[in-house]
Amino acid sequence: MALEMRKKCERCDASIGDNSTAFICVHECTFCSPCTEEMNHICPNCGGELVRRPMNPQTVCSL
């Protein structure tokens, strides 16, 4: 099952591209790097760890 590559930070609404650095929890809540650091890598929705989201392999191969 593929990840839902969300395009915006759930906290500040900043745009996040497919190959931009973003962070997700196990429920795929998505946050930008600055917000993730401000939240100490903890998801405000579930309390889980925020980890770096993998890049979309379809767009990486076309680079």
Protein backbone atom coordinates (compact mmCIF):
# COMPACT_ATOMS: atom_id res chain seq x y z
CA MET A 1 0.00 0.00 0.00
CA ALA A 2 1.42 3.38 -1.01
CA LEU A 3 1.72 6.36 1.29
CA GLU A 4 -0.65 9.24 0.81
CA MET A 5 1.84 11.96 -0.19
CA ARG A 6 0.10 14.95 1.37
CA LYS A 7 1.00 18.32 -0.12
CA LYS A 8 0.66 20.59 2.94
CA CYS A 9 1.90 20.72 6.51
CA GLU A 10 -0.99 19.97 8.87
CA ARG A 11 0.22 22.57 11.36
CA CYS A 12 1.22 25.66 9.33
CA ASP A 13 -0.28 24.82 5.90
CA ALA A 14 3.10 25.21 4.14
CA SER A 15 3.37 23.49 0.76
CA ILE A 16 5.34 20.23 0.70
CA GLY A 17 6.53 18.85 -2.64
CA ASP A 18 6.91 15.13 -3.39
CA ASN A 19 10.67 15.34 -2.88
CA SER A 20 10.70 17.94 -0.13
CA THR A 21 11.72 16.93 3.37
CA ALA A 22 8.59 16.14 5.35
CA PHE A 23 7.84 14.11 8.47
CA ILE A 24 5.01 11.64 9.11
CA CYS A 25 3.66 9.52 11.96
CA VAL A 26 2.19 6.01 11.68
CA HIS A 27 -1.17 7.55 10.70
CA GLU A 28 0.51 9.61 7.91
CA CYS A 29 -0.06 12.96 9.61
CA THR A 30 2.33 15.18 7.66
CA PHE A 31 4.43 18.10 8.87
CA CYS A 32 7.20 20.34 7.48
CA SER A 33 10.69 20.32 9.01
CA PRO A 34 10.35 23.55 11.05
CA CYS A 35 7.06 22.44 12.62
CA THR A 36 8.45 18.97 13.33
CA GLU A 37 11.42 20.46 15.16
CA GLU A 38 9.16 22.79 17.16
CA MET A 39 7.08 19.77 18.20
CA ASN A 40 10.21 17.75 19.15
CA HIS A 41 9.38 15.08 16.52
CA ILE A 42 6.13 14.14 18.34
CA CYS A 43 2.81 14.07 16.45
CA PRO A 44 0.29 16.36 18.18
CA ASN A 45 -2.58 14.18 16.95
CA CYS A 46 -1.53 10.73 18.20
CA GLY A 47 1.58 11.32 20.32
CA GLY A 48 3.64 9.08 18.01
CA GLU A 49 7.12 9.70 16.66
CA LEU A 50 7.50 11.81 13.53
CA VAL A 51 9.98 10.30 11.08
CA ARG A 52 11.28 11.48 7.71
CA ARG A 53 8.88 10.68 4.91
CA PRO A 54 10.41 8.68 2.05
CA MET A 55 10.67 10.39 -1.32
CA ASN A 56 8.34 9.40 -4.14
CA PRO A 57 10.33 6.89 -6.24
CA GLN A 58 8.50 7.88 -9.44
CA THR A 59 9.69 11.49 -9.18
CA VAL A 60 13.19 10.60 -7.93
CA CYS A 61 13.80 8.38 -10.99
CA SER A 62 12.87 11.22 -13.33
CA LEU A 63 15.41 13.65 -11.80
